[in-house]
Every structure is written in structure tokens, then in C-alpha cells.
Amino acid sequence: MNYRLLPLLLFLSFTSIPVASAHTVKISGDIGGTIHIEPNDNPRAGESAETWFALTRKGGKVLPLKECNCQLAIYAEPHTPGEPALLEPPLKPVNAERYQGIPGAEITFPKPGVYELQLRGKPATDESFRPFELKFQVTVAAGKAVAATQAGENVTDINQQQAAAVSSAQPIIIVAILLLSIGIVVFLVQTMRGNS
């Protein structure tokens, strides 16, 4: 094996670990959509997150909220079909980037974890598009304990969850740093040998 490629392989293996992307395009019928959550697609529990959905019809025409009877339902994962939504925030028209009047909402996730956001829609007046349902997975980081307390948990539980999350991530980070360091050392040794 060519040891000069080892650092590149290590870098690629650590950077290609699957990460949920908020800007993945979802398609249902003749409607495509992406989701964006402020700040920087990293919502935090207990903090209001402005969320908007860039919806487009086949051909790229933007679908504004005024032309869509849309509803947003939020479920904590895992959830079972037929289970009532955890949250159903009202949608409002939002102007974001190049999109005008698209569906948006202020969402305060109650606690850290994975959520599924389901956006359903049908034409508001005519039959200009088929009804659709787009599902987006969102990972919510730890944030303010206030909202979690409102959801029935106490602050001690939140602190314990945050400590457990940090301690479980530390070994992965340490191993990654060690492997990267070893790769760099091997690369340098091979380069030095090749030059002498």
C-alpha cells in the first residue's frame, strides 16, 4: 500500500461519515422542497428557530404559501404512524434568500434529539399541483433547559443528558485525533525515506 495516500484516506473516511443534511431535496409528486433552520441549520432545544421550506414545482417555479394549503407537523423520533404530532406550529409567509412568500414557522423544540418534520400541502384554489407530503429529519442540539422543563423534565435530567452526550463523544474524538496523528507521522516518515 502506498503510505503517502494514508493521510488522504484517513481524512476522507472521517469527513465522509454520514451527516444529516438539512438542504437535501425531498420530492413528493410534482413538488420538491428543502428545509432551512436558523441559525445555520443547527437548532437548539428551548430556543426559537426560524424554519422555512423552499418549495418548487416541476420546472423550478417557486410555490408560495398563498397558493398552498400547507400544514406542518413535528414528531419526536421514533414515532408510530397515527400518533398525534408533538407540535403543529402555524405557517406564515417568509421571504428568504431568493424565495418570496414561502412557508415558514417559528419552532421551539422541547428537548435535544431527532425530530421528523412533515410538511403536507394541497392547492389553495385550483388543481395546479398534486397534494404532497415532505418529511425532513432534524437533529436538535442541547440548548436552554427552560423549554425542557416546560415539557415536564427537570433541569437535573437535562444536565445529566448533556454530560452523557459529551462523555460519549469524547472517545470518538480522541480516536480520530490519534488515527490522524499516526497517519501524519507515517506520511512524514515515508516522505523522508523517499527523499533520502
Protein backbone atom coordinates (compact mmCIF):
# COMPACT_ATOMS: atom_id res chain seq x y z
CA MET A 1 0.00 0.00 0.00
CA ASN A 2 1.21 3.45 -0.77
CA TYR A 3 1.62 5.09 2.64
CA ARG A 4 1.57 8.54 1.08
CA LEU A 5 -2.15 8.08 0.49
CA LEU A 6 -2.87 7.09 4.10
CA PRO A 7 -3.47 10.63 5.41
CA LEU A 8 -5.78 11.33 2.48
CA LEU A 9 -7.70 8.12 3.12
CA LEU A 10 -7.98 8.93 6.83
CA PHE A 11 -9.22 12.42 6.05
CA LEU A 12 -11.79 11.13 3.56
CA SER A 13 -13.02 8.43 5.93
CA PHE A 14 -13.64 10.94 8.72
CA THR A 15 -15.18 13.59 6.51
CA SER A 16 -17.48 11.17 4.70
CA ILE A 17 -19.21 9.95 7.87
CA PRO A 18 -22.93 10.27 7.13
CA VAL A 19 -24.33 13.51 8.47
CA ALA A 20 -27.92 14.61 8.10
CA SER A 21 -28.08 17.47 5.68
CA ALA A 22 -30.83 19.98 6.11
CA HIS A 23 -30.56 21.04 2.46
CA THR A 24 -31.37 17.64 0.99
CA VAL A 25 -34.06 17.95 -1.67
CA LYS A 26 -37.19 15.95 -0.94
CA ILE A 27 -39.70 15.25 -3.70
CA SER A 28 -43.36 14.30 -3.46
CA GLY A 29 -45.47 14.23 -6.61
CA ASP A 30 -44.61 17.30 -8.65
CA ILE A 31 -43.32 19.35 -5.66
CA GLY A 32 -39.74 19.47 -4.46
CA GLY A 33 -38.58 21.12 -1.28
CA THR A 34 -35.68 21.85 1.02
CA ILE A 35 -35.70 23.00 4.63
CA HIS A 36 -33.59 25.65 6.29
CA ILE A 37 -33.41 26.29 10.03
CA GLU A 38 -31.80 29.33 11.65
CA PRO A 39 -29.20 29.52 12.99
CA ASN A 40 -27.07 27.62 10.46
CA ASP A 41 -29.32 24.53 10.36
CA ASN A 42 -28.35 23.75 13.97
CA PRO A 43 -31.46 24.20 16.11
CA ARG A 44 -31.07 24.09 19.88
CA ALA A 45 -33.61 22.84 22.38
CA GLY A 46 -35.58 25.56 24.14
CA GLU A 47 -34.55 28.23 21.64
CA SER A 48 -36.80 29.59 18.90
CA ALA A 49 -35.61 28.52 15.45
CA GLU A 50 -36.90 30.25 12.34
CA THR A 51 -37.64 27.48 9.87
CA TRP A 52 -38.59 27.82 6.24
CA PHE A 53 -39.34 25.50 3.34
CA ALA A 54 -38.21 26.34 -0.19
CA LEU A 55 -40.90 24.66 -2.30
CA THR A 56 -40.72 24.44 -6.08
CA ARG A 57 -42.94 22.92 -8.72
CA LYS A 58 -41.70 20.80 -11.59
CA GLY A 59 -39.80 23.18 -13.83
CA GLY A 60 -38.45 25.26 -10.92
CA LYS A 61 -41.33 27.67 -10.26
CA VAL A 62 -41.47 28.66 -6.58
CA LEU A 63 -44.58 27.59 -4.66
CA PRO A 64 -45.55 30.38 -2.24
CA LEU A 65 -47.67 29.74 0.86
CA LYS A 66 -50.61 31.74 -0.56
CA GLU A 67 -51.01 29.08 -3.29
CA CYS A 68 -50.71 26.14 -0.89
CA ASN A 69 -52.93 24.93 1.91
CA CYS A 70 -49.95 23.65 3.93
CA GLN A 71 -49.71 22.17 7.43
CA LEU A 72 -46.60 21.38 9.44
CA ALA A 73 -46.49 18.54 11.97
CA ILE A 74 -43.47 17.74 14.15
CA TYR A 75 -42.85 14.34 15.70
CA ALA A 76 -40.16 13.24 18.16
CA GLU A 77 -38.33 10.21 16.76
CA PRO A 78 -39.02 7.40 16.88
CA HIS A 79 -42.77 7.75 16.43
CA THR A 80 -45.51 5.41 15.28
CA PRO A 81 -47.93 6.14 12.43
CA GLY A 82 -51.18 7.59 13.70
CA GLU A 83 -49.51 9.08 16.78
CA PRO A 84 -50.51 12.72 17.36
CA ALA A 85 -47.93 15.34 16.45
CA LEU A 86 -45.77 16.75 19.24
CA LEU A 87 -46.04 20.24 17.71
CA GLU A 88 -48.13 21.80 14.92
CA PRO A 89 -46.77 25.33 14.54
CA PRO A 90 -48.72 27.73 12.33
CA LEU A 91 -47.13 28.55 8.98
CA LYS A 92 -46.55 32.10 7.81
CA PRO A 93 -45.17 33.52 4.54
CA VAL A 94 -41.41 34.11 4.71
CA ASN A 95 -39.02 35.96 2.40
CA ALA A 96 -35.68 34.17 2.48
CA GLU A 97 -32.77 34.36 0.08
CA ARG A 98 -34.31 34.36 -3.43
CA TYR A 99 -37.66 32.96 -2.26
CA GLN A 100 -40.67 35.20 -1.64
CA GLY A 101 -43.69 34.22 0.49
CA ILE A 102 -42.65 30.60 1.08
CA PRO A 103 -43.93 28.59 4.09
CA GLY A 104 -42.11 29.27 7.35
CA ALA A 105 -42.61 28.85 11.09
CA GLU A 106 -41.02 29.64 14.43
CA ILE A 107 -40.27 26.31 16.13
CA THR A 108 -39.09 25.75 19.68
CA PHE A 109 -38.04 22.13 20.05
CA PRO A 110 -38.66 20.99 23.64
CA LYS A 111 -35.51 18.87 24.13
CA PRO A 112 -32.43 17.61 22.28
CA GLY A 113 -32.87 14.68 19.93
CA VAL A 114 -34.09 13.72 16.48
CA TYR A 115 -37.37 15.03 15.11
CA GLU A 116 -39.30 14.45 11.91
CA LEU A 117 -40.90 17.48 10.31
CA GLN A 118 -43.78 16.62 7.98
CA LEU A 119 -44.97 19.30 5.60
CA ARG A 120 -48.25 18.45 3.85
CA GLY A 121 -49.87 20.58 1.21
CA LYS A 122 -52.57 20.78 -1.41
CA PRO A 123 -53.57 23.55 -3.81
CA ALA A 124 -55.28 26.51 -2.13
CA THR A 125 -57.59 27.26 -5.07
CA ASP A 126 -57.18 25.30 -8.30
CA GLU A 127 -55.62 21.93 -9.10
CA SER A 128 -52.27 23.41 -10.16
CA PHE A 129 -50.31 20.67 -8.37
CA ARG A 130 -50.93 17.33 -6.72
CA PRO A 131 -51.14 17.08 -2.91
CA PHE A 132 -47.75 16.36 -1.37
CA GLU A 133 -46.07 15.28 1.84
CA LEU A 134 -42.39 16.03 2.51
CA LYS A 135 -40.57 14.55 5.51
CA PHE A 136 -37.38 16.03 6.94
CA GLN A 137 -35.21 14.61 9.74
CA VAL A 138 -33.79 17.28 12.06
CA THR A 139 -31.29 16.78 14.88
CA VAL A 140 -31.70 19.25 17.74
CA ALA A 141 -28.73 20.05 19.98
CA ALA A 142 -28.85 20.78 23.68
CA GLY A 143 -29.83 24.34 24.47
CA LYS A 144 -31.73 26.16 27.15
CA ALA A 145 -33.22 23.93 29.82
CA VAL A 146 -36.29 26.18 30.14
CA ALA A 147 -38.30 24.56 27.33
CA ALA A 148 -37.39 21.07 28.51
CA THR A 149 -38.64 21.98 31.96
CA GLN A 150 -41.93 23.11 30.40
CA ALA A 151 -42.15 19.72 28.68
CA GLY A 152 -42.10 18.01 32.09
CA GLU A 153 -38.41 17.30 32.64
CA ASN A 154 -36.37 18.86 35.39
CA VAL A 155 -33.07 20.68 34.96
CA THR A 156 -31.11 17.88 36.65
CA ASP A 157 -32.23 15.41 33.97
CA ILE A 158 -31.19 17.83 31.22
CA ASN A 159 -27.74 18.33 32.74
CA GLN A 160 -27.26 14.57 33.06
CA GLN A 161 -28.26 14.09 29.41
CA GLN A 162 -25.83 16.79 28.29
CA ALA A 163 -22.99 15.28 30.35
CA ALA A 164 -23.71 11.81 28.90
CA ALA A 165 -23.72 13.19 25.34
CA VAL A 166 -20.38 14.94 25.85
CA SER A 167 -18.73 11.94 27.53
CA SER A 168 -19.90 9.55 24.80
CA ALA A 169 -18.46 11.80 22.05
CA GLN A 170 -15.04 12.21 23.70
CA PRO A 171 -13.68 8.70 22.91
CA ILE A 172 -14.60 9.10 19.24
CA ILE A 173 -12.82 12.43 19.03
CA ILE A 174 -9.72 11.08 20.79
CA VAL A 175 -9.53 8.04 18.48
CA ALA A 176 -9.96 10.28 15.43
CA ILE A 177 -7.14 12.58 16.57
CA LEU A 178 -4.86 9.61 17.31
CA LEU A 179 -5.51 7.99 13.93
CA LEU A 180 -4.97 11.26 12.11
CA SER A 181 -1.72 11.86 14.05
CA ILE A 182 -0.46 8.37 13.25
CA GLY A 183 -1.31 8.91 9.59
CA ILE A 184 0.61 12.18 9.50
CA VAL A 185 3.65 10.60 11.18
CA VAL A 186 3.63 7.67 8.74
CA PHE A 187 3.30 10.10 5.83
CA LEU A 188 6.22 12.19 7.06
CA VAL A 189 8.43 9.14 7.66
CA GLN A 190 7.68 7.79 4.17
CA THR A 191 8.33 11.18 2.61
CA MET A 192 11.66 11.49 4.46
CA ARG A 193 12.69 8.00 3.34
CA GLY A 194 11.73 8.78 -0.24
CA ASN A 195 13.81 11.96 -0.24
CA SER A 196 16.97 10.32 1.16
